C-alpha atoms as a PDB file:
ATOM      1  CA  UNK A   1      84.464  71.366  32.950  1.00  0.00           C
ATOM      2  CA  UNK A   2      81.153  69.948  34.107  1.00  0.00           C
ATOM      3  CA  UNK A   3      82.897  66.967  35.707  1.00  0.00           C
ATOM      4  CA  UNK A   4      85.269  69.277  37.569  1.00  0.00           C
ATOM      5  CA  UNK A   5      82.352  71.300  38.961  1.00  0.00           C
ATOM      6  CA  UNK A   6      80.620  68.115  40.119  1.00  0.00           C
ATOM      7  CA  UNK A   7      83.789  66.901  41.831  1.00  0.00           C
ATOM      8  CA  UNK A   8      84.237  70.271  43.564  1.00  0.00           C
ATOM      9  CA  UNK A   9      80.618  70.263  44.740  1.00  0.00           C
ATOM     10  CA  UNK A  10      80.937  66.725  46.069  1.00  0.00           C
ATOM     11  CA  UNK A  11      84.110  67.693  47.886  1.00  0.00           C
ATOM     12  CA  UNK A  12      82.401  70.631  49.570  1.00  0.00           C
ATOM     13  CA  UNK A  13      79.454  68.456  50.572  1.00  0.00           C
ATOM     14  CA  UNK A  14      81.853  65.885  52.040  1.00  0.00           C
ATOM     15  CA  UNK A  15      83.621  68.559  54.075  1.00  0.00           C
ATOM     16  CA  UNK A  16      80.308  69.794  55.457  1.00  0.00           C
ATOM     17  CA  UNK A  17      79.074  66.321  56.308  1.00  0.00           C
ATOM     18  CA  UNK A  18      82.352  65.426  57.983  1.00  0.00           C
ATOM     19  CA  UNK A  19      82.183  68.566  60.100  1.00  0.00           C
ATOM     20  CA  UNK A  20      85.428  69.876  58.623  1.00  0.00           C
ATOM     21  CA  UNK A  21      86.322  73.483  59.397  1.00  0.00           C
ATOM     22  CA  UNK A  22      88.366  75.484  56.924  1.00  0.00           C
ATOM     23  CA  UNK A  23      90.594  78.506  57.596  1.00  0.00           C
ATOM     24  CA  UNK A  24      90.312  78.599  61.374  1.00  0.00           C
ATOM     25  CA  UNK A  25      92.743  80.985  63.032  1.00  0.00           C
ATOM     26  CA  UNK A  26      94.168  79.944  66.368  1.00  0.00           C
ATOM     27  CA  UNK A  27      96.448  82.053  68.508  1.00  0.00           C
ATOM     28  CA  UNK A  28      99.907  80.679  69.175  1.00  0.00           C
ATOM     29  CA  UNK A  29     100.980  80.229  72.779  1.00  0.00           C
ATOM     30  CA  UNK A  30     103.644  82.876  73.298  1.00  0.00           C
ATOM     31  CA  UNK A  31     105.603  80.382  75.401  1.00  0.00           C
ATOM     32  CA  UNK A  32     106.200  78.453  72.194  1.00  0.00           C
ATOM     33  CA  UNK A  33     107.310  81.466  70.172  1.00  0.00           C
ATOM     34  CA  UNK A  34     110.832  82.814  69.774  1.00  0.00           C
ATOM     35  CA  UNK A  35     111.310  86.183  68.093  1.00  0.00           C
ATOM     36  CA  UNK A  36     114.640  86.995  66.446  1.00  0.00           C
ATOM     37  CA  UNK A  37     116.051  89.856  64.434  1.00  0.00           C
ATOM     38  CA  UNK A  38     115.483  93.501  65.329  1.00  0.00           C
ATOM     39  CA  UNK A  39     112.116  92.868  66.983  1.00  0.00           C
ATOM     40  CA  UNK A  40     113.661  90.156  69.142  1.00  0.00           C
ATOM     41  CA  UNK A  41     116.464  92.513  70.116  1.00  0.00           C
ATOM     42  CA  UNK A  42     113.965  95.164  71.113  1.00  0.00           C
ATOM     43  CA  UNK A  43     111.983  92.697  73.200  1.00  0.00           C
ATOM     44  CA  UNK A  44     115.135  91.754  75.088  1.00  0.00           C
ATOM     45  CA  UNK A  45     116.069  95.424  75.517  1.00  0.00           C
ATOM     46  CA  UNK A  46     112.617  96.195  76.898  1.00  0.00           C
ATOM     47  CA  UNK A  47     112.884  93.384  79.423  1.00  0.00           C
ATOM     48  CA  UNK A  48     116.424  94.209  80.498  1.00  0.00           C
ATOM     49  CA  UNK A  49     116.513  97.993  80.420  1.00  0.00           C
ATOM     50  CA  UNK A  50     112.896  98.894  81.084  1.00  0.00           C
ATOM     51  CA  UNK A  51     110.915  96.290  82.986  1.00  0.00           C
ATOM     52  CA  UNK A  52     113.724  94.992  85.190  1.00  0.00           C
ATOM     53  CA  UNK A  53     115.208  98.474  85.686  1.00  0.00           C
ATOM     54  CA  UNK A  54     111.918 100.165  86.654  1.00  0.00           C
ATOM     55  CA  UNK A  55     111.216 101.044  90.281  1.00  0.00           C
ATOM     56  CA  UNK A  56     107.826  99.363  90.373  1.00  0.00           C
ATOM     57  CA  UNK A  57     107.577  99.598  94.146  1.00  0.00           C
ATOM     58  CA  UNK A  58     108.173 103.328  94.310  1.00  0.00           C
ATOM     59  CA  UNK A  59     106.645 104.517  91.053  1.00  0.00           C
ATOM     60  CA  UNK A  60     103.726 102.136  90.653  1.00  0.00           C
ATOM     61  CA  UNK A  61     102.752 100.520  93.970  1.00  0.00           C
ATOM     62  CA  UNK A  62     103.217 103.479  96.334  1.00  0.00           C
ATOM     63  CA  UNK A  63      99.980 105.296  95.301  1.00  0.00           C
ATOM     64  CA  UNK A  64      98.019 102.087  95.924  1.00  0.00           C
ATOM     65  CA  UNK A  65      99.281 101.969  99.492  1.00  0.00           C
ATOM     66  CA  UNK A  66      98.403 105.619 100.130  1.00  0.00           C
ATOM     67  CA  UNK A  67      95.004 105.722  98.371  1.00  0.00           C
ATOM     68  CA  UNK A  68      94.541 109.477  98.619  1.00  0.00           C
ATOM     69  CA  UNK A  69      94.134 110.384  94.935  1.00  0.00           C
ATOM     70  CA  UNK A  70      91.122 112.277  93.602  1.00  0.00           C
ATOM     71  CA  UNK A  71      92.021 111.613  89.968  1.00  0.00           C
ATOM     72  CA  UNK A  72      94.914 110.345  87.904  1.00  0.00           C
ATOM     73  CA  UNK A  73      96.354 107.252  86.302  1.00  0.00           C
ATOM     74  CA  UNK A  74      99.353 105.062  87.155  1.00  0.00           C
ATOM     75  CA  UNK A  75      99.208 102.162  84.701  1.00  0.00           C
ATOM     76  CA  UNK A  76      99.799  99.364  87.196  1.00  0.00           C
ATOM     77  CA  UNK A  77      97.475  96.954  85.398  1.00  0.00           C
ATOM     78  CA  UNK A  78      99.270  97.363  82.083  1.00  0.00           C
ATOM     79  CA  UNK A  79     102.545  96.794  83.898  1.00  0.00           C
ATOM     80  CA  UNK A  80     101.196  93.567  85.418  1.00  0.00           C
ATOM     81  CA  UNK A  81     100.104  92.440  81.971  1.00  0.00           C
ATOM     82  CA  UNK A  82     103.593  93.187  80.614  1.00  0.00           C
ATOM     83  CA  UNK A  83     105.254  91.331  83.494  1.00  0.00           C
ATOM     84  CA  UNK A  84     103.026  88.308  82.942  1.00  0.00           C
ATOM     85  CA  UNK A  85     103.600  88.142  79.198  1.00  0.00           C
ATOM     86  CA  UNK A  86     107.336  88.822  79.331  1.00  0.00           C
ATOM     87  CA  UNK A  87     107.747  86.241  82.093  1.00  0.00           C
ATOM     88  CA  UNK A  88     105.836  83.667  80.060  1.00  0.00           C
ATOM     89  CA  UNK A  89     107.692  84.519  76.856  1.00  0.00           C
ATOM     90  CA  UNK A  90     111.234  84.724  78.195  1.00  0.00           C
ATOM     91  CA  UNK A  91     111.188  82.257  81.071  1.00  0.00           C
ATOM     92  CA  UNK A  92     113.539  84.697  82.802  1.00  0.00           C
ATOM     93  CA  UNK A  93     113.536  83.938  86.537  1.00  0.00           C
ATOM     94  CA  UNK A  94     114.112  87.620  87.349  1.00  0.00           C
ATOM     95  CA  UNK A  95     110.981  88.696  85.460  1.00  0.00           C
ATOM     96  CA  UNK A  96     108.969  85.897  87.029  1.00  0.00           C
ATOM     97  CA  UNK A  97     110.078  86.917  90.512  1.00  0.00           C
ATOM     98  CA  UNK A  98     109.216  90.565  89.861  1.00  0.00           C
ATOM     99  CA  UNK A  99     105.824  89.549  88.531  1.00  0.00           C
ATOM    100  CA  UNK A 100     105.130  87.490  91.645  1.00  0.00           C
ATOM    101  CA  UNK A 101     106.128  90.298  94.006  1.00  0.00           C
ATOM    102  CA  UNK A 102     103.970  92.901  92.262  1.00  0.00           C
ATOM    103  CA  UNK A 103     100.916  90.637  92.026  1.00  0.00           C
ATOM    104  CA  UNK A 104     101.242  89.517  95.646  1.00  0.00           C
ATOM    105  CA  UNK A 105     101.327  93.135  96.771  1.00  0.00           C
ATOM    106  CA  UNK A 106      98.267  94.048  94.684  1.00  0.00           C
ATOM    107  CA  UNK A 107      96.352  91.137  96.170  1.00  0.00           C
ATOM    108  CA  UNK A 108      97.454  92.131  99.669  1.00  0.00           C
ATOM    109  CA  UNK A 109      96.275  95.701  99.142  1.00  0.00           C
ATOM    110  CA  UNK A 110      92.865  94.756  97.709  1.00  0.00           C
ATOM    111  CA  UNK A 111      90.125  95.867 100.072  1.00  0.00           C
ATOM    112  CA  UNK A 112      87.429  93.582 101.432  1.00  0.00           C
ATOM    113  CA  UNK A 113      84.768  94.986  99.093  1.00  0.00           C
ATOM    114  CA  UNK A 114      86.967  94.235  96.076  1.00  0.00           C
ATOM    115  CA  UNK A 115      88.336  97.718  95.420  1.00  0.00           C
ATOM    116  CA  UNK A 116      91.827  97.517  93.998  1.00  0.00           C
ATOM    117  CA  UNK A 117      92.602 101.082  92.854  1.00  0.00           C
ATOM    118  CA  UNK A 118      94.435 104.018  94.447  1.00  0.00           C
ATOM    119  CA  UNK A 119      91.663 106.608  94.859  1.00  0.00           C
ATOM    120  CA  UNK A 120      90.289 108.018  98.086  1.00  0.00           C
ATOM    121  CA  UNK A 121      86.876 106.530  99.009  1.00  0.00           C
ATOM    122  CA  UNK A 122      84.873 109.600  97.962  1.00  0.00           C
ATOM    123  CA  UNK A 123      86.430 109.657  94.475  1.00  0.00           C
ATOM    124  CA  UNK A 124      86.157 105.995  93.573  1.00  0.00           C
ATOM    125  CA  UNK A 125      84.457 104.807  90.381  1.00  0.00           C
ATOM    126  CA  UNK A 126      83.180 108.222  89.299  1.00  0.00           C
ATOM    127  CA  UNK A 127      86.413 110.236  89.050  1.00  0.00           C
ATOM    128  CA  UNK A 128      88.836 110.035  86.126  1.00  0.00           C
ATOM    129  CA  UNK A 129      90.524 107.497  85.691  1.00  0.00           C
ATOM    130  CA  UNK A 130      89.556 105.061  88.409  1.00  0.00           C
ATOM    131  CA  UNK A 131      87.624 102.516  86.327  1.00  0.00           C
ATOM    132  CA  UNK A 132      90.237 102.759  83.587  1.00  0.00           C
ATOM    133  CA  UNK A 133      93.018 101.914  86.074  1.00  0.00           C
ATOM    134  CA  UNK A 134      90.980  99.153  87.676  1.00  0.00           C
ATOM    135  CA  UNK A 135      90.062  97.643  84.322  1.00  0.00           C
ATOM    136  CA  UNK A 136      93.660  96.966  83.372  1.00  0.00           C
ATOM    137  CA  UNK A 137      94.425  95.551  86.794  1.00  0.00           C
ATOM    138  CA  UNK A 138      91.516  93.148  86.279  1.00  0.00           C
ATOM    139  CA  UNK A 139      92.900  92.263  82.864  1.00  0.00           C
ATOM    140  CA  UNK A 140      96.468  91.829  84.082  1.00  0.00           C
ATOM    141  CA  UNK A 141      95.405  89.565  86.935  1.00  0.00           C
ATOM    142  CA  UNK A 142      93.265  87.537  84.556  1.00  0.00           C
ATOM    143  CA  UNK A 143      96.287  87.081  82.288  1.00  0.00           C
ATOM    144  CA  UNK A 144      98.287  85.900  85.310  1.00  0.00           C
ATOM    145  CA  UNK A 145      95.741  83.142  85.694  1.00  0.00           C
ATOM    146  CA  UNK A 146      95.764  82.385  81.984  1.00  0.00           C
ATOM    147  CA  UNK A 147      99.530  81.989  81.651  1.00  0.00           C
ATOM    148  CA  UNK A 148     100.475  80.786  85.135  1.00  0.00           C
ATOM    149  CA  UNK A 149      97.290  79.237  86.517  1.00  0.00           C
ATOM    150  CA  UNK A 150      97.202  81.626  89.494  1.00  0.00           C
ATOM    151  CA  UNK A 151      93.716  81.144  90.945  1.00  0.00           C
ATOM    152  CA  UNK A 152      94.285  83.851  93.570  1.00  0.00           C
ATOM    153  CA  UNK A 153      94.818  86.372  90.773  1.00  0.00           C
ATOM    154  CA  UNK A 154      91.603  85.309  89.040  1.00  0.00           C
ATOM    155  CA  UNK A 155      89.660  85.535  92.301  1.00  0.00           C
ATOM    156  CA  UNK A 156      90.999  89.045  92.880  1.00  0.00           C
ATOM    157  CA  UNK A 157      90.119  90.058  89.317  1.00  0.00           C
ATOM    158  CA  UNK A 158      86.542  88.854  89.791  1.00  0.00           C
ATOM    159  CA  UNK A 159      86.191  90.714  93.084  1.00  0.00           C
ATOM    160  CA  UNK A 160      87.462  93.925  91.475  1.00  0.00           C
ATOM    161  CA  UNK A 161      85.119  93.565  88.502  1.00  0.00           C
ATOM    162  CA  UNK A 162      82.139  92.801  90.731  1.00  0.00           C
ATOM    163  CA  UNK A 163      82.930  95.898  92.788  1.00  0.00           C
ATOM    164  CA  UNK A 164      82.829  98.194  89.744  1.00  0.00           C
ATOM    165  CA  UNK A 165      79.704  96.535  88.324  1.00  0.00           C
ATOM    166  CA  UNK A 166      77.861  96.807  91.645  1.00  0.00           C
ATOM    167  CA  UNK A 167      78.766 100.476  92.148  1.00  0.00           C
ATOM    168  CA  UNK A 168      78.043 101.552  88.583  1.00  0.00           C
ATOM    169  CA  UNK A 169      74.764  99.696  88.142  1.00  0.00           C
ATOM    170  CA  UNK A 170      73.522 100.929  91.510  1.00  0.00           C
ATOM    171  CA  UNK A 171      73.625 104.475  90.092  1.00  0.00           C
ATOM    172  CA  UNK A 172      73.238 103.946  86.330  1.00  0.00           C
ATOM    173  CA  UNK A 173      72.380 107.556  85.479  1.00  0.00           C
ATOM    174  CA  UNK A 174      75.691 108.785  86.853  1.00  0.00           C
ATOM    175  CA  UNK A 175      78.600 108.953  84.433  1.00  0.00           C
ATOM    176  CA  UNK A 176      82.178 107.980  85.298  1.00  0.00           C
ATOM    177  CA  UNK A 177      84.343 110.981  84.550  1.00  0.00           C
ATOM    178  CA  UNK A 178      81.580 113.399  85.426  1.00  0.00           C
ATOM    179  CA  UNK A 179      80.983 114.366  81.800  1.00  0.00           C
ATOM    180  CA  UNK A 180      84.498 115.694  81.224  1.00  0.00           C
ATOM    181  CA  UNK A 181      84.915 113.201  78.389  1.00  0.00           C
ATOM    182  CA  UNK A 182      82.711 110.533  76.842  1.00  0.00           C
ATOM    183  CA  UNK A 183      82.053 107.573  79.100  1.00  0.00           C
ATOM    184  CA  UNK A 184      83.561 104.989  76.776  1.00  0.00           C
ATOM    185  CA  UNK A 185      86.870 106.877  77.000  1.00  0.00           C
ATOM    186  CA  UNK A 186      86.633 107.377  80.756  1.00  0.00           C
ATOM    187  CA  UNK A 187      86.345 103.627  81.292  1.00  0.00           C
ATOM    188  CA  UNK A 188      88.716 102.481  78.548  1.00  0.00           C
ATOM    189  CA  UNK A 189      89.632  98.819  78.973  1.00  0.00           C
ATOM    190  CA  UNK A 190      86.692  97.886  81.173  1.00  0.00           C
ATOM    191  CA  UNK A 191      84.771  95.944  78.530  1.00  0.00           C
ATOM    192  CA  UNK A 192      87.891  94.114  77.354  1.00  0.00           C
ATOM    193  CA  UNK A 193      88.654  93.121  80.945  1.00  0.00           C
ATOM    194  CA  UNK A 194      85.140  91.735  81.381  1.00  0.00           C
ATOM    195  CA  UNK A 195      85.413  89.750  78.154  1.00  0.00           C
ATOM    196  CA  UNK A 196      88.727  88.308  79.363  1.00  0.00           C
ATOM    197  CA  UNK A 197      87.040  87.346  82.630  1.00  0.00           C
ATOM    198  CA  UNK A 198      84.260  85.666  80.680  1.00  0.00           C
ATOM    199  CA  UNK A 199      86.863  83.689  78.735  1.00  0.00           C
ATOM    200  CA  UNK A 200      88.496  82.602  81.986  1.00  0.00           C
ATOM    201  CA  UNK A 201      85.395  81.844  84.037  1.00  0.00           C
ATOM    202  CA  UNK A 202      82.479  81.265  81.671  1.00  0.00           C
ATOM    203  CA  UNK A 203      80.424  83.542  83.936  1.00  0.00           C
ATOM    204  CA  UNK A 204      77.745  85.016  81.660  1.00  0.00           C
ATOM    205  CA  UNK A 205      77.315  88.057  83.923  1.00  0.00           C
ATOM    206  CA  UNK A 206      80.461  89.591  82.460  1.00  0.00           C
ATOM    207  CA  UNK A 207      79.559  89.259  78.802  1.00  0.00           C
ATOM    208  CA  UNK A 208      75.983  90.276  79.618  1.00  0.00           C
ATOM    209  CA  UNK A 209      77.301  93.416  81.272  1.00  0.00           C
ATOM    210  CA  UNK A 210      79.126  94.263  78.034  1.00  0.00           C
ATOM    211  CA  UNK A 211      76.192  93.448  75.778  1.00  0.00           C
ATOM    212  CA  UNK A 212      73.343  94.944  77.777  1.00  0.00           C
ATOM    213  CA  UNK A 213      74.636  97.538  80.196  1.00  0.00           C
ATOM    214  CA  UNK A 214      77.475  98.853  78.032  1.00  0.00           C
ATOM    215  CA  UNK A 215      75.777  98.164  74.672  1.00  0.00           C
ATOM    216  CA  UNK A 216      79.086  97.011  73.212  1.00  0.00           C
ATOM    217  CA  UNK A 217      77.656  95.694  69.936  1.00  0.00           C
ATOM    218  CA  UNK A 218      76.326  99.151  69.052  1.00  0.00           C
ATOM    219  CA  UNK A 219      79.628 100.996  69.367  1.00  0.00           C
ATOM    220  CA  UNK A 220      80.002 101.982  65.733  1.00  0.00           C
ATOM    221  CA  UNK A 221      80.528 105.678  65.487  1.00  0.00           C
ATOM    222  CA  UNK A 222      81.663 107.752  62.523  1.00  0.00           C
ATOM    223  CA  UNK A 223      85.207 108.899  61.908  1.00  0.00           C
ATOM    224  CA  UNK A 224      85.663 112.227  63.683  1.00  0.00           C
ATOM    225  CA  UNK A 225      87.665 114.983  61.984  1.00  0.00           C
ATOM    226  CA  UNK A 226      89.414 116.830  64.751  1.00  0.00           C
ATOM    227  CA  UNK A 227      88.486 116.830  68.426  1.00  0.00           C
ATOM    228  CA  UNK A 228      85.965 119.068  70.153  1.00  0.00           C
ATOM    229  CA  UNK A 229      83.937 119.050  73.316  1.00  0.00           C
ATOM    230  CA  UNK A 230      84.254 115.693  75.033  1.00  0.00           C
ATOM    231  CA  UNK A 231      87.251 114.724  72.880  1.00  0.00           C
ATOM    232  CA  UNK A 232      85.342 112.585  70.402  1.00  0.00           C
ATOM    233  CA  UNK A 233      81.611 112.964  69.998  1.00  0.00           C
ATOM    234  CA  UNK A 234      78.909 114.040  72.420  1.00  0.00           C
ATOM    235  CA  UNK A 235      77.109 111.507  74.629  1.00  0.00           C
ATOM    236  CA  UNK A 236      73.439 110.933  73.963  1.00  0.00           C
ATOM    237  CA  UNK A 237      70.645 110.051  76.408  1.00  0.00           C
ATOM    238  CA  UNK A 238      69.615 106.428  76.578  1.00  0.00           C
ATOM    239  CA  UNK A 239      66.636 104.538  77.854  1.00  0.00           C
ATOM    240  CA  UNK A 240      66.428 102.508  81.063  1.00  0.00           C
ATOM    241  CA  UNK A 241      66.663  98.745  80.956  1.00  0.00           C
ATOM    242  CA  UNK A 242      66.864  95.915  83.441  1.00  0.00           C
ATOM    243  CA  UNK A 243      69.430  93.176  83.059  1.00  0.00           C
ATOM    244  CA  UNK A 244      68.881  90.776  85.976  1.00  0.00           C
ATOM    245  CA  UNK A 245      71.771  88.465  85.140  1.00  0.00           C
ATOM    246  CA  UNK A 246      74.292  91.157  86.079  1.00  0.00           C
ATOM    247  CA  UNK A 247      73.358  91.621  89.686  1.00  0.00           C
ATOM    248  CA  UNK A 248      69.580  91.964  89.265  1.00  0.00           C
ATOM    249  CA  UNK A 249      69.922  95.727  89.428  1.00  0.00           C
ATOM    250  CA  UNK A 250      67.899  98.114  87.302  1.00  0.00           C
ATOM    251  CA  UNK A 251      70.311  99.903  85.044  1.00  0.00           C
ATOM    252  CA  UNK A 252      70.559 101.662  81.729  1.00  0.00           C
ATOM    253  CA  UNK A 253      72.580 101.122  78.605  1.00  0.00           C
ATOM    254  CA  UNK A 254      75.202 103.762  78.073  1.00  0.00           C
ATOM    255  CA  UNK A 255      75.579 103.520  74.313  1.00  0.00           C
ATOM    256  CA  UNK A 256      77.239 106.561  72.827  1.00  0.00           C
ATOM    257  CA  UNK A 257      76.570 107.989  69.426  1.00  0.00           C
ATOM    258  CA  UNK A 258      80.249 107.797  68.510  1.00  0.00           C
ATOM    259  CA  UNK A 259      82.225 104.903  69.954  1.00  0.00           C
ATOM    260  CA  UNK A 260      85.340 103.231  68.578  1.00  0.00           C
ATOM    261  CA  UNK A 261      84.925 100.701  65.797  1.00  0.00           C
ATOM    262  CA  UNK A 262      87.399  98.508  67.638  1.00  0.00           C
ATOM    263  CA  UNK A 263      84.747  97.682  70.215  1.00  0.00           C
ATOM    264  CA  UNK A 264      82.439  96.313  67.528  1.00  0.00           C
ATOM    265  CA  UNK A 265      85.336  94.223  66.249  1.00  0.00           C
ATOM    266  CA  UNK A 266      85.888  92.800  69.734  1.00  0.00           C
ATOM    267  CA  UNK A 267      82.242  91.906  70.210  1.00  0.00           C
ATOM    268  CA  UNK A 268      81.865  90.387  66.747  1.00  0.00           C
ATOM    269  CA  UNK A 269      85.124  88.459  66.766  1.00  0.00           C
ATOM    270  CA  UNK A 270      84.414  86.921  70.142  1.00  0.00           C
ATOM    271  CA  UNK A 271      80.772  86.278  69.200  1.00  0.00           C
ATOM    272  CA  UNK A 272      79.739  87.213  72.683  1.00  0.00           C
ATOM    273  CA  UNK A 273      77.614  90.311  72.535  1.00  0.00           C
ATOM    274  CA  UNK A 274      74.248  90.142  70.771  1.00  0.00           C
ATOM    275  CA  UNK A 275      73.450  93.221  68.674  1.00  0.00           C
ATOM    276  CA  UNK A 276      71.047  95.567  70.405  1.00  0.00           C
ATOM    277  CA  UNK A 277      69.099  97.723  67.978  1.00  0.00           C
ATOM    278  CA  UNK A 278      68.924 100.928  69.947  1.00  0.00           C
ATOM    279  CA  UNK A 279      70.283 104.090  68.415  1.00  0.00           C
ATOM    280  CA  UNK A 280      69.758 107.121  70.617  1.00  0.00           C
ATOM    281  CA  UNK A 281      69.646 110.609  69.140  1.00  0.00           C
ATOM    282  CA  UNK A 282      69.931 113.744  71.199  1.00  0.00           C
ATOM    283  CA  UNK A 283      67.305 116.419  70.626  1.00  0.00           C
ATOM    284  CA  UNK A 284      68.045 118.692  73.566  1.00  0.00           C
ATOM    285  CA  UNK A 285      68.514 122.362  72.815  1.00  0.00           C
ATOM    286  CA  UNK A 286      71.703 122.442  74.880  1.00  0.00           C
ATOM    287  CA  UNK A 287      73.320 119.685  72.850  1.00  0.00           C
ATOM    288  CA  UNK A 288      72.241 121.356  69.618  1.00  0.00           C
ATOM    289  CA  UNK A 289      73.792 124.636  70.708  1.00  0.00           C
ATOM    290  CA  UNK A 290      77.041 122.942  71.712  1.00  0.00           C
ATOM    291  CA  UNK A 291      77.247 121.198  68.356  1.00  0.00           C
ATOM    292  CA  UNK A 292      76.503 124.472  66.577  1.00  0.00           C
ATOM    293  CA  UNK A 293      79.288 126.213  68.485  1.00  0.00           C
ATOM    294  CA  UNK A 294      81.755 123.455  67.623  1.00  0.00           C
ATOM    295  CA  UNK A 295      80.792 123.605  63.953  1.00  0.00           C
ATOM    296  CA  UNK A 296      81.107 127.355  63.917  1.00  0.00           C
ATOM    297  CA  UNK A 297      84.491 127.233  65.655  1.00  0.00           C
ATOM    298  CA  UNK A 298      86.060 124.880  63.131  1.00  0.00           C
ATOM    299  CA  UNK A 299      88.742 126.587  61.045  1.00  0.00           C
ATOM    300  CA  UNK A 300      87.960 127.168  57.407  1.00  0.00           C
ATOM    301  CA  UNK A 301      89.649 124.744  55.013  1.00  0.00           C
ATOM    302  CA  UNK A 302      92.924 126.007  53.626  1.00  0.00           C
ATOM    303  CA  UNK A 303      92.780 126.843  49.949  1.00  0.00           C
ATOM    304  CA  UNK A 304      95.698 125.952  47.740  1.00  0.00           C
END
């Protein structure tokens, strides 16, 4: 028994000294994966009867040509992401051609300042769901670069991200969505898009924006039973901070008292965002009253 323990210890020491890494997970390139069975059938059905059948020009691109919206959501970025991944997975020339046409049109429509959404100028950034829409366009274009090496797509994604960062950090006390819902929900996808850009470019401004301005590592809210007020939790005031590496603009962290645990998982798994030990707590009378009203309005538990 003692000899076995010694051998095991020596083996572990050898692995450490040799720089061996155990149990490392690596993602498989989807271009080298073939899915069969029912899931494979559904993938093929989605490509053939959904993606290729959809009127992307009329239903998805038209609002981006008009740019008159005051609010709303189209989902163009998610569609670009789907086109990219299905084109890479299937190798289908029809999907690839559709992907190229959609991306080329998005790049053509991008404005000189980097704006890539479909809102009217006075509603941009601050109205629901402009940042959310833009975030997934940034992500989709970044994936186009990842899977197809399209540098024009990556350049457009960076311009769009820089536009949002510049506008938001120039007015850090203003909340996207105007307080209708919590900020982290109003800008869903933005942090993930920035992390994807960091992966693609190595530009520390993007991960720094997540870690410092958005306070991504602190998004660890409780499980919410039911939905009240701003859908999930009430935003709390935060202190001002300066993060010069993201545009040298004075800005504030917008940590919320109840953010999704998934965001913590993203930041920890990517090992990008350093934990920031700031936990804001609201003490305003208005917030207390709102919370009291929500508590009072909850239905009594059903007795059985």
